[in-house]
Amino acid sequence: MINKVLLEYQFILKNMKILKIYSFFIILFLLSACSSIPSDTSNSCVIFNERYLWYKHAKKSQEKWGTPIYLQLAIIKMESGFDWLAKPPRQKLFKVIPYKRLSSSFGYSQAVDGTWEQYKKETGNKLAVRNRFKDSVDFIGWYTNKSESILKISKKDSFRQYVAYHEGWGNYKYYKKNKKIIKLAKKVEKQSNLYKDQLSSCSKSLNKNKYIIF
């Protein structure tokens, strides 16, 4: 009788270990699938075909804030290259010793600490995190909406919206003296127009109901 109980106990333990191993690999797969960089970040159709949930989140942000999907993507591409863990490079002391980072920017949107906290407070999205795509596109929608309200910049004006996003609402008025930001904003505008054209060819397919495995 005792031997039978021991055998059953050992069998249960063995199955629990197997279950833990499977669970670990499933979690690892989900994380890598959700966080890895799309194969072609210059093509909005490729991005959303590989990350269909991203399309749902971006579309929801567009419906909520009025910020076009193509502008959301163009900002993310410029800011982080779709790297969920993106951070500014560290400064170096004596060109060798790693030092402080240039800012607290982090995640897809590269939002800094202070602005992210303002976003969470104003929207009530207290559990938002910068390395989650859903929260990042919502943040971009919120920010561009405020830029439209404060600076009277249309959400369809990718150039000026990016200038405001990069420089901040207070420093926006000085951008014409900054050749670097003008160059970056032109790149965002170009990429935004490209995304817009691409989406016109695949949005019908993306708007169809799809099965979502995870």
C-alpha atoms as a PDB file:
ATOM      1  CA  MET A   1       0.000   0.000   0.000  1.00  0.00           C
ATOM      2  CA  ILE A   2       2.792   2.405   0.964  1.00  0.00           C
ATOM      3  CA  ASN A   3       4.752   1.547  -2.168  1.00  0.00           C
ATOM      4  CA  LYS A   4       1.681   2.263  -4.306  1.00  0.00           C
ATOM      5  CA  VAL A   5       1.229   5.689  -2.696  1.00  0.00           C
ATOM      6  CA  LEU A   6       4.907   6.488  -3.204  1.00  0.00           C
ATOM      7  CA  LEU A   7       4.733   5.480  -6.852  1.00  0.00           C
ATOM      8  CA  GLU A   8       1.655   7.675  -7.375  1.00  0.00           C
ATOM      9  CA  TYR A   9       3.401  10.576  -5.623  1.00  0.00           C
ATOM     10  CA  GLN A  10       6.503  10.185  -7.804  1.00  0.00           C
ATOM     11  CA  PHE A  11       4.293  10.049 -10.901  1.00  0.00           C
ATOM     12  CA  ILE A  12       2.571  13.316  -9.905  1.00  0.00           C
ATOM     13  CA  LEU A  13       5.918  15.033  -9.222  1.00  0.00           C
ATOM     14  CA  LYS A  14       7.266  13.898 -12.583  1.00  0.00           C
ATOM     15  CA  ASN A  15       4.206  15.277 -14.400  1.00  0.00           C
ATOM     16  CA  MET A  16       4.460  18.558 -12.500  1.00  0.00           C
ATOM     17  CA  LYS A  17       8.082  18.961 -13.611  1.00  0.00           C
ATOM     18  CA  ILE A  18       7.114  18.276 -17.220  1.00  0.00           C
ATOM     19  CA  LEU A  19       4.257  20.775 -16.956  1.00  0.00           C
ATOM     20  CA  LYS A  20       6.618  23.439 -15.581  1.00  0.00           C
ATOM     21  CA  ILE A  21       9.052  22.881 -18.458  1.00  0.00           C
ATOM     22  CA  TYR A  22       6.262  23.156 -21.043  1.00  0.00           C
ATOM     23  CA  SER A  23       4.908  26.266 -19.342  1.00  0.00           C
ATOM     24  CA  PHE A  24       8.347  27.879 -19.399  1.00  0.00           C
ATOM     25  CA  PHE A  25       8.773  27.291 -23.130  1.00  0.00           C
ATOM     26  CA  ILE A  26       5.240  28.497 -23.901  1.00  0.00           C
ATOM     27  CA  ILE A  27       5.849  31.744 -21.979  1.00  0.00           C
ATOM     28  CA  LEU A  28       9.224  32.147 -23.681  1.00  0.00           C
ATOM     29  CA  PHE A  29       7.600  31.646 -27.087  1.00  0.00           C
ATOM     30  CA  LEU A  30       4.850  34.171 -26.388  1.00  0.00           C
ATOM     31  CA  LEU A  31       7.306  36.787 -25.176  1.00  0.00           C
ATOM     32  CA  SER A  32       9.589  36.375 -28.172  1.00  0.00           C
ATOM     33  CA  ALA A  33       6.655  36.398 -30.575  1.00  0.00           C
ATOM     34  CA  CYS A  34       5.168  39.553 -29.092  1.00  0.00           C
ATOM     35  CA  SER A  35       8.371  41.490 -28.580  1.00  0.00           C
ATOM     36  CA  SER A  36      10.657  40.618 -31.482  1.00  0.00           C
ATOM     37  CA  ILE A  37      11.202  43.240 -34.179  1.00  0.00           C
ATOM     38  CA  PRO A  38       9.161  42.667 -37.388  1.00  0.00           C
ATOM     39  CA  SER A  39      11.148  41.441 -40.396  1.00  0.00           C
ATOM     40  CA  ASP A  40      10.500  44.582 -42.463  1.00  0.00           C
ATOM     41  CA  THR A  41       9.816  47.680 -40.370  1.00  0.00           C
ATOM     42  CA  SER A  42       9.530  49.864 -43.477  1.00  0.00           C
ATOM     43  CA  ASN A  43       6.399  48.065 -44.636  1.00  0.00           C
ATOM     44  CA  SER A  44       3.213  48.534 -42.605  1.00  0.00           C
ATOM     45  CA  CYS A  45       1.496  45.567 -44.268  1.00  0.00           C
ATOM     46  CA  VAL A  46       4.367  43.247 -43.323  1.00  0.00           C
ATOM     47  CA  ILE A  47       4.402  44.619 -39.770  1.00  0.00           C
ATOM     48  CA  PHE A  48       0.703  43.982 -39.235  1.00  0.00           C
ATOM     49  CA  ASN A  49       0.640  40.631 -41.020  1.00  0.00           C
ATOM     50  CA  GLU A  50       3.308  39.466 -38.576  1.00  0.00           C
ATOM     51  CA  ARG A  51       1.806  41.287 -35.585  1.00  0.00           C
ATOM     52  CA  TYR A  52      -1.940  41.332 -36.131  1.00  0.00           C
ATOM     53  CA  LEU A  53      -2.664  42.393 -32.556  1.00  0.00           C
ATOM     54  CA  TRP A  54      -0.549  45.488 -33.179  1.00  0.00           C
ATOM     55  CA  TYR A  55      -2.989  46.479 -35.896  1.00  0.00           C
ATOM     56  CA  LYS A  56      -5.908  46.124 -33.499  1.00  0.00           C
ATOM     57  CA  HIS A  57      -4.131  48.300 -30.922  1.00  0.00           C
ATOM     58  CA  ALA A  58      -3.085  50.945 -33.453  1.00  0.00           C
ATOM     59  CA  LYS A  59      -6.588  51.064 -34.902  1.00  0.00           C
ATOM     60  CA  LYS A  60      -8.071  51.464 -31.437  1.00  0.00           C
ATOM     61  CA  SER A  61      -5.707  54.379 -30.746  1.00  0.00           C
ATOM     62  CA  GLN A  62      -6.722  55.956 -34.052  1.00  0.00           C
ATOM     63  CA  GLU A  63     -10.405  55.644 -33.183  1.00  0.00           C
ATOM     64  CA  LYS A  64      -9.829  57.010 -29.680  1.00  0.00           C
ATOM     65  CA  TRP A  65      -7.500  59.931 -30.412  1.00  0.00           C
ATOM     66  CA  GLY A  66      -7.838  60.494 -34.151  1.00  0.00           C
ATOM     67  CA  THR A  67      -4.133  59.842 -34.763  1.00  0.00           C
ATOM     68  CA  PRO A  68      -3.623  58.007 -38.079  1.00  0.00           C
ATOM     69  CA  ILE A  69      -2.100  54.551 -37.852  1.00  0.00           C
ATOM     70  CA  TYR A  70       0.599  55.524 -40.337  1.00  0.00           C
ATOM     71  CA  LEU A  71       1.756  58.385 -38.098  1.00  0.00           C
ATOM     72  CA  GLN A  72       1.868  56.109 -35.040  1.00  0.00           C
ATOM     73  CA  LEU A  73       4.098  53.665 -36.904  1.00  0.00           C
ATOM     74  CA  ALA A  74       6.344  56.373 -38.355  1.00  0.00           C
ATOM     75  CA  ILE A  75       7.004  57.817 -34.894  1.00  0.00           C
ATOM     76  CA  ILE A  76       7.801  54.394 -33.438  1.00  0.00           C
ATOM     77  CA  LYS A  77      10.107  53.524 -36.328  1.00  0.00           C
ATOM     78  CA  MET A  78      12.078  56.741 -35.873  1.00  0.00           C
ATOM     79  CA  GLU A  79      12.158  56.621 -32.094  1.00  0.00           C
ATOM     80  CA  SER A  80      12.914  52.973 -31.350  1.00  0.00           C
ATOM     81  CA  GLY A  81      12.980  51.002 -34.592  1.00  0.00           C
ATOM     82  CA  PHE A  82      10.234  48.823 -33.011  1.00  0.00           C
ATOM     83  CA  ASP A  83      12.641  47.659 -30.296  1.00  0.00           C
ATOM     84  CA  TRP A  84      10.529  47.189 -27.157  1.00  0.00           C
ATOM     85  CA  LEU A  85      13.590  47.605 -24.887  1.00  0.00           C
ATOM     86  CA  ALA A  86      15.176  50.559 -26.701  1.00  0.00           C
ATOM     87  CA  LYS A  87      17.119  53.044 -24.569  1.00  0.00           C
ATOM     88  CA  PRO A  88      19.410  55.968 -25.408  1.00  0.00           C
ATOM     89  CA  PRO A  89      23.112  55.042 -25.498  1.00  0.00           C
ATOM     90  CA  ARG A  90      25.201  55.682 -22.416  1.00  0.00           C
ATOM     91  CA  GLN A  91      27.609  58.576 -22.307  1.00  0.00           C
ATOM     92  CA  LYS A  92      31.246  57.607 -21.767  1.00  0.00           C
ATOM     93  CA  LEU A  93      33.776  59.129 -19.427  1.00  0.00           C
ATOM     94  CA  PHE A  94      37.185  59.470 -21.063  1.00  0.00           C
ATOM     95  CA  LYS A  95      35.600  57.777 -24.109  1.00  0.00           C
ATOM     96  CA  VAL A  96      35.799  54.416 -22.331  1.00  0.00           C
ATOM     97  CA  ILE A  97      33.882  54.231 -19.022  1.00  0.00           C
ATOM     98  CA  PRO A  98      30.079  53.815 -19.425  1.00  0.00           C
ATOM     99  CA  TYR A  99      28.220  56.670 -17.716  1.00  0.00           C
ATOM    100  CA  LYS A 100      24.671  58.038 -17.584  1.00  0.00           C
ATOM    101  CA  ARG A 101      22.202  57.747 -20.444  1.00  0.00           C
ATOM    102  CA  LEU A 102      21.280  60.922 -22.301  1.00  0.00           C
ATOM    103  CA  SER A 103      17.653  60.696 -21.138  1.00  0.00           C
ATOM    104  CA  SER A 104      15.117  58.413 -19.470  1.00  0.00           C
ATOM    105  CA  SER A 105      13.533  57.494 -22.831  1.00  0.00           C
ATOM    106  CA  PHE A 106      12.434  53.859 -23.014  1.00  0.00           C
ATOM    107  CA  GLY A 107      10.413  51.408 -25.067  1.00  0.00           C
ATOM    108  CA  TYR A 108       8.603  51.638 -28.385  1.00  0.00           C
ATOM    109  CA  SER A 109       7.605  55.288 -28.026  1.00  0.00           C
ATOM    110  CA  GLN A 110      10.797  56.416 -26.258  1.00  0.00           C
ATOM    111  CA  ALA A 111       8.661  58.378 -23.807  1.00  0.00           C
ATOM    112  CA  VAL A 112      10.611  59.937 -20.940  1.00  0.00           C
ATOM    113  CA  ASP A 113       9.688  59.298 -17.308  1.00  0.00           C
ATOM    114  CA  GLY A 114       7.948  62.611 -16.636  1.00  0.00           C
ATOM    115  CA  THR A 115       5.781  62.638 -19.763  1.00  0.00           C
ATOM    116  CA  TRP A 116       4.851  58.988 -19.280  1.00  0.00           C
ATOM    117  CA  GLU A 117       3.695  59.701 -15.738  1.00  0.00           C
ATOM    118  CA  GLN A 118       1.647  62.648 -17.019  1.00  0.00           C
ATOM    119  CA  TYR A 119       0.048  60.363 -19.597  1.00  0.00           C
ATOM    120  CA  LYS A 120      -0.871  57.751 -17.004  1.00  0.00           C
ATOM    121  CA  LYS A 121      -2.320  60.393 -14.682  1.00  0.00           C
ATOM    122  CA  GLU A 122      -4.401  62.126 -17.367  1.00  0.00           C
ATOM    123  CA  THR A 123      -5.708  58.944 -19.001  1.00  0.00           C
ATOM    124  CA  GLY A 124      -6.129  56.844 -15.872  1.00  0.00           C
ATOM    125  CA  ASN A 125      -4.070  54.090 -17.491  1.00  0.00           C
ATOM    126  CA  LYS A 126      -2.092  53.499 -14.306  1.00  0.00           C
ATOM    127  CA  LEU A 127      -0.769  50.068 -15.297  1.00  0.00           C
ATOM    128  CA  ALA A 128       0.640  51.261 -18.636  1.00  0.00           C
ATOM    129  CA  VAL A 129       4.229  50.261 -19.428  1.00  0.00           C
ATOM    130  CA  ARG A 130       6.474  51.644 -22.152  1.00  0.00           C
ATOM    131  CA  ASN A 131       7.609  48.279 -23.528  1.00  0.00           C
ATOM    132  CA  ARG A 132       4.044  47.235 -24.378  1.00  0.00           C
ATOM    133  CA  PHE A 133       2.913  48.143 -27.903  1.00  0.00           C
ATOM    134  CA  LYS A 134      -0.697  48.671 -26.868  1.00  0.00           C
ATOM    135  CA  ASP A 135       0.236  51.319 -24.307  1.00  0.00           C
ATOM    136  CA  SER A 136       2.830  52.896 -26.595  1.00  0.00           C
ATOM    137  CA  VAL A 137       0.406  53.620 -29.438  1.00  0.00           C
ATOM    138  CA  ASP A 138      -2.143  54.907 -26.957  1.00  0.00           C
ATOM    139  CA  PHE A 139       0.527  57.228 -25.564  1.00  0.00           C
ATOM    140  CA  ILE A 140       1.354  58.494 -29.062  1.00  0.00           C
ATOM    141  CA  GLY A 141      -2.331  59.112 -29.682  1.00  0.00           C
ATOM    142  CA  TRP A 142      -2.618  61.049 -26.426  1.00  0.00           C
ATOM    143  CA  TYR A 143       0.519  63.076 -27.122  1.00  0.00           C
ATOM    144  CA  THR A 144      -0.360  64.000 -30.708  1.00  0.00           C
ATOM    145  CA  ASN A 145      -3.868  64.909 -29.590  1.00  0.00           C
ATOM    146  CA  LYS A 146      -2.422  67.326 -27.047  1.00  0.00           C
ATOM    147  CA  SER A 147      -0.073  68.736 -29.702  1.00  0.00           C
ATOM    148  CA  GLU A 148      -3.109  69.461 -31.841  1.00  0.00           C
ATOM    149  CA  SER A 149      -4.830  71.140 -28.902  1.00  0.00           C
ATOM    150  CA  ILE A 150      -1.836  73.123 -27.619  1.00  0.00           C
ATOM    151  CA  LEU A 151       0.002  73.929 -30.846  1.00  0.00           C
ATOM    152  CA  LYS A 152      -2.858  73.647 -33.362  1.00  0.00           C
ATOM    153  CA  ILE A 153      -1.015  70.977 -35.389  1.00  0.00           C
ATOM    154  CA  SER A 154      -3.203  68.712 -37.483  1.00  0.00           C
ATOM    155  CA  LYS A 155      -2.750  65.012 -36.785  1.00  0.00           C
ATOM    156  CA  LYS A 156      -2.332  64.559 -40.526  1.00  0.00           C
ATOM    157  CA  ASP A 157       0.725  66.835 -40.485  1.00  0.00           C
ATOM    158  CA  SER A 158       3.377  64.193 -39.806  1.00  0.00           C
ATOM    159  CA  PHE A 159       6.269  66.643 -40.104  1.00  0.00           C
ATOM    160  CA  ARG A 160       5.125  69.128 -37.462  1.00  0.00           C
ATOM    161  CA  GLN A 161       3.624  66.462 -35.227  1.00  0.00           C
ATOM    162  CA  TYR A 162       6.985  64.713 -35.037  1.00  0.00           C
ATOM    163  CA  VAL A 163       8.782  67.983 -34.312  1.00  0.00           C
ATOM    164  CA  ALA A 164       6.436  68.545 -31.370  1.00  0.00           C
ATOM    165  CA  TYR A 165       6.873  64.933 -30.264  1.00  0.00           C
ATOM    166  CA  HIS A 166      10.658  65.116 -30.340  1.00  0.00           C
ATOM    167  CA  GLU A 167      11.190  68.645 -29.044  1.00  0.00           C
ATOM    168  CA  GLY A 168       8.276  68.916 -26.630  1.00  0.00           C
ATOM    169  CA  TRP A 169       5.459  71.452 -26.595  1.00  0.00           C
ATOM    170  CA  GLY A 170       7.596  74.149 -24.994  1.00  0.00           C
ATOM    171  CA  ASN A 171      10.554  73.914 -27.382  1.00  0.00           C
ATOM    172  CA  TYR A 172       8.516  73.418 -30.540  1.00  0.00           C
ATOM    173  CA  LYS A 173       8.695  77.121 -31.472  1.00  0.00           C
ATOM    174  CA  TYR A 174      12.497  76.945 -31.809  1.00  0.00           C
ATOM    175  CA  TYR A 175      12.658  74.016 -34.242  1.00  0.00           C
ATOM    176  CA  LYS A 176      13.341  76.097 -37.398  1.00  0.00           C
ATOM    177  CA  LYS A 177      16.814  76.840 -36.017  1.00  0.00           C
ATOM    178  CA  ASN A 178      17.513  73.143 -35.522  1.00  0.00           C
ATOM    179  CA  LYS A 179      18.662  71.500 -38.773  1.00  0.00           C
ATOM    180  CA  LYS A 180      18.914  68.086 -37.130  1.00  0.00           C
ATOM    181  CA  ILE A 181      15.275  67.928 -36.048  1.00  0.00           C
ATOM    182  CA  ILE A 182      14.127  69.226 -39.437  1.00  0.00           C
ATOM    183  CA  LYS A 183      16.023  66.395 -41.128  1.00  0.00           C
ATOM    184  CA  LEU A 184      14.523  63.810 -38.758  1.00  0.00           C
ATOM    185  CA  ALA A 185      11.009  65.186 -39.194  1.00  0.00           C
ATOM    186  CA  LYS A 186      11.333  64.982 -42.980  1.00  0.00           C
ATOM    187  CA  LYS A 187      12.282  61.312 -42.643  1.00  0.00           C
ATOM    188  CA  VAL A 188       9.237  60.702 -40.462  1.00  0.00           C
ATOM    189  CA  GLU A 189       7.024  62.512 -42.966  1.00  0.00           C
ATOM    190  CA  LYS A 190       8.387  60.414 -45.834  1.00  0.00           C
ATOM    191  CA  GLN A 191       7.985  57.154 -43.899  1.00  0.00           C
ATOM    192  CA  SER A 192       4.508  58.192 -42.780  1.00  0.00           C
ATOM    193  CA  ASN A 193       3.420  58.735 -46.388  1.00  0.00           C
ATOM    194  CA  LEU A 194       4.895  55.371 -47.353  1.00  0.00           C
ATOM    195  CA  TYR A 195       3.029  53.586 -44.550  1.00  0.00           C
ATOM    196  CA  LYS A 196      -0.162  55.372 -45.614  1.00  0.00           C
ATOM    197  CA  ASP A 197       0.147  54.145 -49.205  1.00  0.00           C
ATOM    198  CA  GLN A 198       0.915  50.607 -48.062  1.00  0.00           C
ATOM    199  CA  LEU A 199      -2.050  50.489 -45.688  1.00  0.00           C
ATOM    200  CA  SER A 200      -4.391  51.485 -48.488  1.00  0.00           C
ATOM    201  CA  SER A 201      -3.541  48.195 -50.179  1.00  0.00           C
ATOM    202  CA  CYS A 202      -3.854  45.873 -47.168  1.00  0.00           C
ATOM    203  CA  SER A 203      -6.294  47.559 -44.751  1.00  0.00           C
ATOM    204  CA  LYS A 204      -9.251  45.666 -46.258  1.00  0.00           C
ATOM    205  CA  SER A 205      -7.552  42.375 -45.470  1.00  0.00           C
ATOM    206  CA  LEU A 206      -6.487  43.529 -42.003  1.00  0.00           C
ATOM    207  CA  ASN A 207     -10.016  44.639 -41.130  1.00  0.00           C
ATOM    208  CA  LYS A 208     -11.384  41.144 -41.697  1.00  0.00           C
ATOM    209  CA  ASN A 209     -11.917  39.066 -38.585  1.00  0.00           C
ATOM    210  CA  LYS A 210      -8.933  36.864 -37.911  1.00  0.00           C
ATOM    211  CA  TYR A 211      -8.325  34.043 -35.487  1.00  0.00           C
ATOM    212  CA  ILE A 212      -5.930  35.101 -32.761  1.00  0.00           C
ATOM    213  CA  ILE A 213      -4.010  32.233 -31.210  1.00  0.00           C
ATOM    214  CA  PHE A 214      -2.485  34.325 -28.396  1.00  0.00           C
END
